[in-house]
Amino acid sequence: MGTACDRLVDAYLKRLRRELRDLPADRRRDIAGHIAEARAELPAESEAEIRTLLDRIGPPSVIAADERLRLGPKRPAHTREVVAIVLLLAGGSLFLVGWLVGVALLWASDAWSVRDKLIGTLIVPGGLSGAFIIIGVVAVDVGGSESFLWILMVVLLVAPILAAVYLGLRLRGRPAAA
């Protein structure tokens, strides 16, 4: 299907996704659905008709500005998202129960994508406590290989910190869920 009309609509939707990247994904889908419906109603689809349709919808930057006004000012992240990040990092010290609560809060939140949630869950399960447990088990098994233990310790201790920073950065600037 690589018609000129398809390319126009794809380029428009790409600009729209870029403009709306900090807004809820359902808004992007609504506009894409609206375009698909309007295209189906065109008597004869031509490049000129598609350009007119996209002009009627408006520039992506204007749509994004209108949506931001409609949604109100960006709000800081909910407390539960911040608590989720803290528990993912340090909750393992509560016999892993705190980390499990952090994982539950992470997956219950609409603030992150599935990729973000997988990173928060799988990068050193148990957070810093999980890292210390793994280091302790490996130290007993490996014995005298100190350079390996130092490298392992650095990687395992830095990974959950980087995952927490990543989640915090992904959360920053997004509207909080209602």
N, C-alpha and C. Protein backbone atom coordinates (compact mmCIF):
# COMPACT_ATOMS: atom_id res chain seq x y z
N MET A 1 0.80 -1.19 0.00
CA MET A 1 0.00 0.00 0.00
C MET A 1 0.84 1.25 0.00
N GLY A 2 1.86 1.51 -0.44
CA GLY A 2 2.63 2.73 -0.28
C GLY A 2 2.19 3.84 -1.19
N THR A 3 0.89 4.13 -1.26
CA THR A 3 0.42 5.22 -2.11
C THR A 3 0.83 6.56 -1.53
N ALA A 4 0.74 7.58 -2.37
CA ALA A 4 1.07 8.93 -1.92
C ALA A 4 0.14 9.35 -0.79
N CYS A 5 -1.12 8.94 -0.87
CA CYS A 5 -2.08 9.28 0.19
C CYS A 5 -1.68 8.63 1.52
N ASP A 6 -1.28 7.36 1.46
CA ASP A 6 -0.84 6.67 2.67
C ASP A 6 0.39 7.35 3.27
N ARG A 7 1.32 7.74 2.40
CA ARG A 7 2.54 8.40 2.88
C ARG A 7 2.22 9.73 3.54
N LEU A 8 1.26 10.48 2.98
CA LEU A 8 0.86 11.76 3.60
C LEU A 8 0.29 11.53 5.00
N VAL A 9 -0.61 10.56 5.10
CA VAL A 9 -1.25 10.27 6.39
C VAL A 9 -0.20 9.74 7.38
N ASP A 10 0.69 8.86 6.93
CA ASP A 10 1.74 8.32 7.81
C ASP A 10 2.66 9.43 8.33
N ALA A 11 3.04 10.35 7.44
CA ALA A 11 3.91 11.46 7.86
C ALA A 11 3.19 12.35 8.87
N TYR A 12 1.90 12.58 8.64
CA TYR A 12 1.11 13.40 9.55
C TYR A 12 1.02 12.72 10.92
N LEU A 13 0.72 11.43 10.93
CA LEU A 13 0.60 10.70 12.20
C LEU A 13 1.94 10.62 12.93
N LYS A 14 3.02 10.53 12.19
CA LYS A 14 4.35 10.52 12.81
C LYS A 14 4.61 11.86 13.52
N ARG A 15 4.30 12.97 12.85
CA ARG A 15 4.47 14.29 13.48
C ARG A 15 3.55 14.41 14.70
N LEU A 16 2.33 13.88 14.56
CA LEU A 16 1.37 13.94 15.67
C LEU A 16 1.88 13.14 16.86
N ARG A 17 2.40 11.93 16.62
CA ARG A 17 2.95 11.12 17.73
C ARG A 17 4.08 11.85 18.43
N ARG A 18 4.92 12.51 17.65
CA ARG A 18 6.05 13.24 18.23
C ARG A 18 5.54 14.39 19.09
N GLU A 19 4.53 15.10 18.62
CA GLU A 19 3.97 16.24 19.38
C GLU A 19 3.22 15.79 20.63
N LEU A 20 2.58 14.63 20.55
CA LEU A 20 1.74 14.15 21.66
C LEU A 20 2.45 13.13 22.55
N ARG A 21 3.77 12.97 22.40
CA ARG A 21 4.48 11.90 23.11
C ARG A 21 4.33 11.97 24.63
N ASP A 22 4.07 13.15 25.18
CA ASP A 22 3.93 13.26 26.63
C ASP A 22 2.48 13.21 27.09
N LEU A 23 1.57 12.95 26.16
CA LEU A 23 0.14 12.86 26.50
C LEU A 23 -0.31 11.41 26.41
N PRO A 24 -1.46 11.09 27.00
CA PRO A 24 -1.94 9.70 26.97
C PRO A 24 -2.07 9.16 25.54
N ALA A 25 -1.70 7.90 25.37
CA ALA A 25 -1.69 7.27 24.04
C ALA A 25 -3.07 7.21 23.41
N ASP A 26 -4.12 7.16 24.22
CA ASP A 26 -5.46 7.06 23.64
C ASP A 26 -5.82 8.28 22.80
N ARG A 27 -5.24 9.43 23.09
CA ARG A 27 -5.50 10.63 22.28
C ARG A 27 -4.94 10.46 20.88
N ARG A 28 -3.78 9.87 20.75
CA ARG A 28 -3.19 9.62 19.42
C ARG A 28 -4.05 8.64 18.64
N ARG A 29 -4.53 7.60 19.32
CA ARG A 29 -5.37 6.60 18.65
C ARG A 29 -6.69 7.22 18.20
N ASP A 30 -7.27 8.11 19.02
CA ASP A 30 -8.53 8.76 18.65
C ASP A 30 -8.39 9.52 17.35
N ILE A 31 -7.31 10.28 17.21
CA ILE A 31 -7.12 11.08 16.01
C ILE A 31 -6.84 10.19 14.81
N ALA A 32 -6.04 9.14 14.98
CA ALA A 32 -5.78 8.20 13.88
C ALA A 32 -7.08 7.54 13.43
N GLY A 33 -7.95 7.20 14.37
CA GLY A 33 -9.25 6.62 14.04
C GLY A 33 -10.13 7.61 13.30
N HIS A 34 -10.08 8.85 13.73
CA HIS A 34 -10.85 9.91 13.07
C HIS A 34 -10.40 10.07 11.61
N ILE A 35 -9.11 10.03 11.39
CA ILE A 35 -8.57 10.16 10.02
C ILE A 35 -9.02 8.96 9.18
N ALA A 36 -8.95 7.76 9.73
CA ALA A 36 -9.36 6.57 8.99
C ALA A 36 -10.84 6.65 8.61
N GLU A 37 -11.68 7.09 9.54
CA GLU A 37 -13.12 7.23 9.25
C GLU A 37 -13.35 8.27 8.16
N ALA A 38 -12.67 9.41 8.27
CA ALA A 38 -12.85 10.48 7.29
C ALA A 38 -12.36 10.03 5.91
N ARG A 39 -11.27 9.26 5.87
CA ARG A 39 -10.78 8.75 4.58
C ARG A 39 -11.79 7.81 3.94
N ALA A 40 -12.44 7.00 4.75
CA ALA A 40 -13.42 6.05 4.22
C ALA A 40 -14.63 6.78 3.62
N GLU A 41 -14.93 7.96 4.12
CA GLU A 41 -16.08 8.72 3.64
C GLU A 41 -15.78 9.57 2.41
N LEU A 42 -14.51 9.67 2.03
CA LEU A 42 -14.16 10.47 0.85
C LEU A 42 -14.73 9.82 -0.41
N PRO A 43 -15.34 10.64 -1.28
CA PRO A 43 -15.89 10.06 -2.51
C PRO A 43 -14.80 9.46 -3.40
N ALA A 44 -13.69 10.15 -3.51
CA ALA A 44 -12.55 9.65 -4.30
C ALA A 44 -11.30 10.11 -3.60
N GLU A 45 -10.49 9.14 -3.13
CA GLU A 45 -9.30 9.49 -2.38
C GLU A 45 -8.20 9.94 -3.34
N SER A 46 -7.80 11.18 -3.16
CA SER A 46 -6.70 11.73 -3.95
C SER A 46 -5.77 12.46 -3.01
N GLU A 47 -4.60 12.78 -3.52
CA GLU A 47 -3.64 13.51 -2.71
C GLU A 47 -4.22 14.84 -2.24
N ALA A 48 -4.93 15.52 -3.13
CA ALA A 48 -5.55 16.81 -2.79
C ALA A 48 -6.60 16.64 -1.70
N GLU A 49 -7.42 15.59 -1.80
CA GLU A 49 -8.45 15.34 -0.79
C GLU A 49 -7.82 15.05 0.57
N ILE A 50 -6.76 14.26 0.58
CA ILE A 50 -6.07 13.92 1.83
C ILE A 50 -5.45 15.18 2.44
N ARG A 51 -4.82 15.99 1.62
CA ARG A 51 -4.24 17.24 2.13
C ARG A 51 -5.32 18.13 2.74
N THR A 52 -6.46 18.23 2.08
CA THR A 52 -7.58 19.03 2.60
C THR A 52 -8.08 18.45 3.93
N LEU A 53 -8.20 17.13 3.98
CA LEU A 53 -8.64 16.47 5.22
C LEU A 53 -7.68 16.77 6.37
N LEU A 54 -6.38 16.62 6.12
CA LEU A 54 -5.39 16.87 7.17
C LEU A 54 -5.35 18.34 7.56
N ASP A 55 -5.58 19.24 6.60
CA ASP A 55 -5.65 20.67 6.91
C ASP A 55 -6.85 20.96 7.81
N ARG A 56 -7.97 20.28 7.53
CA ARG A 56 -9.17 20.48 8.37
C ARG A 56 -8.93 20.02 9.80
N ILE A 57 -8.20 18.91 9.95
CA ILE A 57 -7.90 18.39 11.29
C ILE A 57 -6.99 19.37 12.03
N GLY A 58 -6.02 19.91 11.32
CA GLY A 58 -5.14 20.92 11.90
C GLY A 58 -3.72 20.41 12.09
N PRO A 59 -2.79 21.34 12.25
CA PRO A 59 -1.38 20.95 12.45
C PRO A 59 -1.20 20.18 13.77
N PRO A 60 -0.35 19.18 13.76
CA PRO A 60 -0.11 18.40 14.99
C PRO A 60 0.29 19.27 16.18
N SER A 61 1.07 20.32 15.96
CA SER A 61 1.48 21.18 17.08
C SER A 61 0.29 21.88 17.72
N VAL A 62 -0.69 22.28 16.91
CA VAL A 62 -1.90 22.94 17.43
C VAL A 62 -2.76 21.94 18.19
N ILE A 63 -2.90 20.73 17.64
CA ILE A 63 -3.68 19.69 18.31
C ILE A 63 -3.06 19.38 19.68
N ALA A 64 -1.72 19.25 19.71
CA ALA A 64 -1.03 18.95 20.97
C ALA A 64 -1.23 20.08 21.98
N ALA A 65 -1.13 21.33 21.52
CA ALA A 65 -1.32 22.47 22.43
C ALA A 65 -2.75 22.48 22.98
N ASP A 66 -3.73 22.21 22.11
CA ASP A 66 -5.12 22.16 22.56
C ASP A 66 -5.34 21.05 23.58
N GLU A 67 -4.74 19.88 23.34
CA GLU A 67 -4.88 18.77 24.27
C GLU A 67 -4.25 19.10 25.62
N ARG A 68 -3.10 19.74 25.60
CA ARG A 68 -2.45 20.10 26.87
C ARG A 68 -3.31 21.09 27.65
N LEU A 69 -3.92 22.03 26.93
CA LEU A 69 -4.83 22.98 27.61
C LEU A 69 -6.04 22.26 28.18
N ARG A 70 -6.58 21.33 27.40
CA ARG A 70 -7.77 20.59 27.84
C ARG A 70 -7.46 19.73 29.06
N LEU A 71 -6.29 19.10 29.06
CA LEU A 71 -5.92 18.23 30.18
C LEU A 71 -5.45 19.01 31.40
N GLY A 72 -5.12 20.27 31.21
CA GLY A 72 -4.63 21.09 32.32
C GLY A 72 -3.12 21.00 32.41
N PRO A 73 -2.56 21.75 33.34
CA PRO A 73 -1.10 21.76 33.47
C PRO A 73 -0.59 20.39 33.89
N LYS A 74 0.67 20.14 33.51
CA LYS A 74 1.30 18.89 33.93
C LYS A 74 1.33 18.83 35.44
N ARG A 75 0.96 17.69 35.92
CA ARG A 75 0.98 17.49 37.36
C ARG A 75 2.17 16.62 37.72
N PRO A 76 2.68 16.79 38.91
CA PRO A 76 3.79 15.91 39.32
C PRO A 76 3.28 14.47 39.44
N ALA A 77 4.19 13.56 39.42
CA ALA A 77 3.85 12.14 39.52
C ALA A 77 3.10 11.87 40.82
N HIS A 78 2.21 10.92 40.75
CA HIS A 78 1.52 10.50 41.96
C HIS A 78 2.51 9.93 42.95
N THR A 79 2.16 9.99 44.16
CA THR A 79 3.00 9.47 45.22
C THR A 79 3.27 7.98 45.03
N ARG A 80 2.26 7.24 44.53
CA ARG A 80 2.45 5.79 44.41
C ARG A 80 3.54 5.43 43.40
N GLU A 81 3.73 6.25 42.35
CA GLU A 81 4.79 5.97 41.39
C GLU A 81 6.16 6.19 42.03
N VAL A 82 6.27 7.24 42.83
CA VAL A 82 7.53 7.52 43.52
C VAL A 82 7.80 6.42 44.54
N VAL A 83 6.76 6.00 45.26
CA VAL A 83 6.91 4.91 46.23
C VAL A 83 7.32 3.62 45.50
N ALA A 84 6.75 3.38 44.32
CA ALA A 84 7.12 2.19 43.54
C ALA A 84 8.61 2.19 43.22
N ILE A 85 9.12 3.34 42.79
CA ILE A 85 10.55 3.42 42.46
C ILE A 85 11.41 3.17 43.68
N VAL A 86 11.05 3.78 44.81
CA VAL A 86 11.83 3.60 46.05
C VAL A 86 11.79 2.13 46.49
N LEU A 87 10.61 1.52 46.44
CA LEU A 87 10.50 0.12 46.87
C LEU A 87 11.23 -0.83 45.92
N LEU A 88 11.22 -0.51 44.62
CA LEU A 88 11.98 -1.35 43.68
C LEU A 88 13.47 -1.29 43.98
N LEU A 89 13.93 -0.14 44.41
CA LEU A 89 15.35 0.02 44.71
C LEU A 89 15.72 -0.54 46.08
N ALA A 90 14.96 -0.19 47.10
CA ALA A 90 15.36 -0.53 48.47
C ALA A 90 14.39 -1.44 49.20
N GLY A 91 13.27 -1.78 48.59
CA GLY A 91 12.25 -2.58 49.28
C GLY A 91 12.64 -4.00 49.55
N GLY A 92 13.67 -4.48 48.89
CA GLY A 92 14.12 -5.85 49.12
C GLY A 92 14.63 -6.07 50.52
N SER A 93 15.01 -4.99 51.20
CA SER A 93 15.51 -5.12 52.56
C SER A 93 14.41 -5.52 53.54
N LEU A 94 13.17 -5.47 53.10
CA LEU A 94 12.04 -5.90 53.93
C LEU A 94 11.64 -7.33 53.56
N PHE A 95 12.63 -8.22 53.50
CA PHE A 95 12.43 -9.63 53.15
C PHE A 95 11.76 -9.78 51.79
N LEU A 96 12.13 -8.92 50.85
CA LEU A 96 11.63 -8.87 49.49
C LEU A 96 10.15 -8.49 49.39
N VAL A 97 9.44 -8.36 50.51
CA VAL A 97 8.04 -7.97 50.47
C VAL A 97 7.91 -6.55 49.92
N GLY A 98 8.77 -5.65 50.36
CA GLY A 98 8.73 -4.27 49.88
C GLY A 98 8.98 -4.20 48.38
N TRP A 99 9.92 -5.01 47.89
CA TRP A 99 10.20 -5.02 46.46
C TRP A 99 9.00 -5.56 45.69
N LEU A 100 8.34 -6.60 46.22
CA LEU A 100 7.14 -7.14 45.55
C LEU A 100 6.02 -6.11 45.51
N VAL A 101 5.86 -5.34 46.59
CA VAL A 101 4.86 -4.27 46.59
C VAL A 101 5.25 -3.23 45.54
N GLY A 102 6.53 -2.91 45.43
CA GLY A 102 7.00 -1.97 44.41
C GLY A 102 6.68 -2.47 43.01
N VAL A 103 6.88 -3.76 42.76
CA VAL A 103 6.56 -4.34 41.45
C VAL A 103 5.05 -4.24 41.18
N ALA A 104 4.25 -4.53 42.20
CA ALA A 104 2.80 -4.43 42.03
C ALA A 104 2.38 -2.99 41.71
N LEU A 105 2.95 -2.03 42.42
CA LEU A 105 2.64 -0.62 42.14
C LEU A 105 3.11 -0.22 40.74
N LEU A 106 4.27 -0.71 40.35
CA LEU A 106 4.80 -0.42 39.03
C LEU A 106 3.85 -0.89 37.94
N TRP A 107 3.39 -2.13 38.04
CA TRP A 107 2.53 -2.70 37.01
C TRP A 107 1.11 -2.17 37.08
N ALA A 108 0.68 -1.66 38.24
CA ALA A 108 -0.67 -1.09 38.36
C ALA A 108 -0.74 0.33 37.80
N SER A 109 0.39 0.97 37.62
CA SER A 109 0.43 2.36 37.17
C SER A 109 0.30 2.47 35.66
N ASP A 110 -0.37 3.53 35.22
CA ASP A 110 -0.47 3.84 33.79
C ASP A 110 0.65 4.76 33.35
N ALA A 111 1.54 5.10 34.25
CA ALA A 111 2.58 6.10 33.94
C ALA A 111 3.70 5.54 33.08
N TRP A 112 3.88 4.24 33.05
CA TRP A 112 5.00 3.64 32.32
C TRP A 112 4.50 2.71 31.25
N SER A 113 5.33 2.51 30.23
CA SER A 113 5.03 1.54 29.18
C SER A 113 5.38 0.14 29.69
N VAL A 114 4.98 -0.86 28.93
CA VAL A 114 5.30 -2.24 29.30
C VAL A 114 6.82 -2.42 29.33
N ARG A 115 7.52 -1.81 28.38
CA ARG A 115 8.99 -1.91 28.36
C ARG A 115 9.58 -1.34 29.65
N ASP A 116 9.08 -0.18 30.09
CA ASP A 116 9.56 0.43 31.33
C ASP A 116 9.30 -0.51 32.51
N LYS A 117 8.13 -1.11 32.53
CA LYS A 117 7.76 -2.00 33.63
C LYS A 117 8.64 -3.25 33.65
N LEU A 118 8.97 -3.77 32.48
CA LEU A 118 9.87 -4.93 32.41
C LEU A 118 11.26 -4.56 32.91
N ILE A 119 11.74 -3.39 32.54
CA ILE A 119 13.05 -2.94 33.03
C ILE A 119 13.02 -2.82 34.54
N GLY A 120 11.98 -2.20 35.09
CA GLY A 120 11.87 -2.04 36.54
C GLY A 120 11.76 -3.35 37.28
N THR A 121 11.17 -4.35 36.64
CA THR A 121 10.97 -5.65 37.28
C THR A 121 12.19 -6.55 37.15
N LEU A 122 12.80 -6.58 35.99
CA LEU A 122 13.81 -7.59 35.70
C LEU A 122 15.25 -7.16 35.94
N ILE A 123 15.51 -5.86 36.05
CA ILE A 123 16.89 -5.43 36.31
C ILE A 123 17.17 -5.65 37.79
N VAL A 124 17.88 -6.69 38.07
CA VAL A 124 18.24 -7.15 39.41
C VAL A 124 17.01 -7.22 40.32
N PRO A 125 16.23 -8.30 40.16
CA PRO A 125 15.07 -8.48 41.04
C PRO A 125 15.48 -8.39 42.51
N GLY A 126 14.70 -7.67 43.28
CA GLY A 126 15.01 -7.47 44.69
C GLY A 126 15.74 -6.17 44.94
N GLY A 127 16.08 -5.44 43.87
CA GLY A 127 16.78 -4.17 44.03
C GLY A 127 18.16 -4.35 44.62
N LEU A 128 18.55 -3.41 45.45
CA LEU A 128 19.89 -3.47 46.04
C LEU A 128 20.06 -4.68 46.95
N SER A 129 19.02 -5.05 47.68
CA SER A 129 19.11 -6.24 48.54
C SER A 129 19.30 -7.50 47.71
N GLY A 130 18.58 -7.58 46.60
CA GLY A 130 18.75 -8.71 45.69
C GLY A 130 20.18 -8.79 45.17
N ALA A 131 20.75 -7.62 44.87
CA ALA A 131 22.14 -7.58 44.40
C ALA A 131 23.08 -8.11 45.48
N PHE A 132 22.88 -7.69 46.73
CA PHE A 132 23.74 -8.17 47.81
C PHE A 132 23.59 -9.68 48.02
N ILE A 133 22.39 -10.18 47.88
CA ILE A 133 22.15 -11.63 48.03
C ILE A 133 22.89 -12.39 46.94
N ILE A 134 22.75 -11.91 45.70
CA ILE A 134 23.43 -12.57 44.58
C ILE A 134 24.94 -12.53 44.76
N ILE A 135 25.45 -11.37 45.17
CA ILE A 135 26.90 -11.23 45.40
C ILE A 135 27.36 -12.19 46.49
N GLY A 136 26.59 -12.30 47.57
CA GLY A 136 26.95 -13.21 48.66
C GLY A 136 26.97 -14.66 48.22
N VAL A 137 25.98 -15.07 47.45
CA VAL A 137 25.92 -16.46 46.97
C VAL A 137 27.09 -16.74 46.03
N VAL A 138 27.34 -15.80 45.12
CA VAL A 138 28.43 -16.00 44.16
C VAL A 138 29.78 -15.98 44.87
N ALA A 139 29.94 -15.12 45.88
CA ALA A 139 31.22 -15.05 46.60
C ALA A 139 31.53 -16.36 47.29
N VAL A 140 30.53 -17.02 47.83
CA VAL A 140 30.74 -18.30 48.48
C VAL A 140 31.11 -19.37 47.46
N ASP A 141 30.42 -19.36 46.30
CA ASP A 141 30.67 -20.37 45.26
C ASP A 141 31.99 -20.16 44.54
N VAL A 142 32.34 -18.90 44.23
CA VAL A 142 33.52 -18.61 43.42
C VAL A 142 34.78 -18.67 44.26
N GLY A 143 34.72 -18.18 45.45
CA GLY A 143 35.88 -18.23 46.32
C GLY A 143 36.84 -17.08 46.07
N GLY A 144 38.01 -17.36 45.51
CA GLY A 144 39.08 -16.38 45.48
C GLY A 144 39.18 -15.46 44.28
N SER A 145 38.32 -15.50 43.35
CA SER A 145 38.42 -14.65 42.16
C SER A 145 37.93 -13.24 42.49
N GLU A 146 38.84 -12.44 43.07
CA GLU A 146 38.44 -11.12 43.55
C GLU A 146 38.07 -10.16 42.45
N SER A 147 38.77 -10.19 41.32
CA SER A 147 38.45 -9.25 40.25
C SER A 147 37.05 -9.52 39.70
N PHE A 148 36.69 -10.80 39.57
CA PHE A 148 35.34 -11.14 39.11
C PHE A 148 34.30 -10.63 40.10
N LEU A 149 34.56 -10.81 41.39
CA LEU A 149 33.61 -10.36 42.41
C LEU A 149 33.45 -8.84 42.39
N TRP A 150 34.54 -8.11 42.20
CA TRP A 150 34.44 -6.65 42.14
C TRP A 150 33.61 -6.20 40.94
N ILE A 151 33.85 -6.80 39.80
CA ILE A 151 33.08 -6.45 38.60
C ILE A 151 31.61 -6.79 38.81
N LEU A 152 31.35 -7.99 39.33
CA LEU A 152 29.98 -8.40 39.59
C LEU A 152 29.30 -7.46 40.58
N MET A 153 30.03 -7.08 41.63
CA MET A 153 29.47 -6.20 42.64
C MET A 153 29.11 -4.85 42.04
N VAL A 154 29.99 -4.29 41.25
CA VAL A 154 29.72 -2.98 40.64
C VAL A 154 28.51 -3.07 39.73
N VAL A 155 28.48 -4.08 38.87
CA VAL A 155 27.36 -4.23 37.93
C VAL A 155 26.04 -4.42 38.67
N LEU A 156 26.04 -5.32 39.65
CA LEU A 156 24.80 -5.61 40.35
C LEU A 156 24.32 -4.47 41.25
N LEU A 157 25.22 -3.66 41.73
CA LEU A 157 24.81 -2.54 42.57
C LEU A 157 24.42 -1.32 41.72
N VAL A 158 25.04 -1.16 40.57
CA VAL A 158 24.73 -0.02 39.72
C VAL A 158 23.44 -0.25 38.93
N ALA A 159 23.17 -1.49 38.52
CA ALA A 159 22.01 -1.79 37.69
C ALA A 159 20.68 -1.36 38.31
N PRO A 160 20.38 -1.69 39.57
CA PRO A 160 19.09 -1.24 40.11
C PRO A 160 19.02 0.27 40.28
N ILE A 161 20.15 0.90 40.55
CA ILE A 161 20.17 2.37 40.66
C ILE A 161 19.85 2.98 39.30
N LEU A 162 20.48 2.46 38.25
CA LEU A 162 20.21 2.95 36.90
C LEU A 162 18.76 2.69 36.49
N ALA A 163 18.22 1.54 36.86
CA ALA A 163 16.81 1.25 36.55
C ALA A 163 15.89 2.24 37.25
N ALA A 164 16.18 2.57 38.52
CA ALA A 164 15.36 3.53 39.26
C ALA A 164 15.46 4.92 38.64
N VAL A 165 16.67 5.32 38.25
CA VAL A 165 16.86 6.62 37.59
C VAL A 165 16.10 6.64 36.27
N TYR A 166 16.19 5.56 35.50
CA TYR A 166 15.48 5.45 34.23
C TYR A 166 13.97 5.62 34.43
N LEU A 167 13.41 4.90 35.40
CA LEU A 167 11.97 5.01 35.66
C LEU A 167 11.60 6.42 36.09
N GLY A 168 12.44 7.03 36.91
CA GLY A 168 12.17 8.41 37.34
C GLY A 168 12.19 9.38 36.18
N LEU A 169 13.14 9.20 35.26
CA LEU A 169 13.21 10.09 34.10
C LEU A 169 12.02 9.87 33.17
N ARG A 170 11.60 8.61 33.01
CA ARG A 170 10.44 8.33 32.17
C ARG A 170 9.16 8.88 32.78
N LEU A 171 9.13 8.93 34.09
CA LEU A 171 7.94 9.45 34.79
C LEU A 171 7.88 10.97 34.73
N ARG A 172 9.04 11.58 34.77
CA ARG A 172 9.14 13.04 34.80
C ARG A 172 8.54 13.65 33.53
N GLY A 173 7.74 14.65 33.70
CA GLY A 173 7.16 15.35 32.55
C GLY A 173 5.90 14.73 32.00
N ARG A 174 5.48 13.58 32.52
CA ARG A 174 4.23 12.97 32.05
C ARG A 174 3.10 13.40 32.97
N PRO A 175 1.92 13.60 32.40
CA PRO A 175 0.79 13.93 33.27
C PRO A 175 0.49 12.75 34.18
N ALA A 176 0.17 13.04 35.41
CA ALA A 176 -0.17 11.97 36.35
C ALA A 176 -1.54 11.42 35.99
N ALA A 177 -1.73 10.14 36.26
CA ALA A 177 -3.02 9.51 35.98
C ALA A 177 -4.08 10.10 36.89
N ALA A 178 -5.28 10.17 36.39
CA ALA A 178 -6.37 10.75 37.19
C ALA A 178 -6.81 9.81 38.27
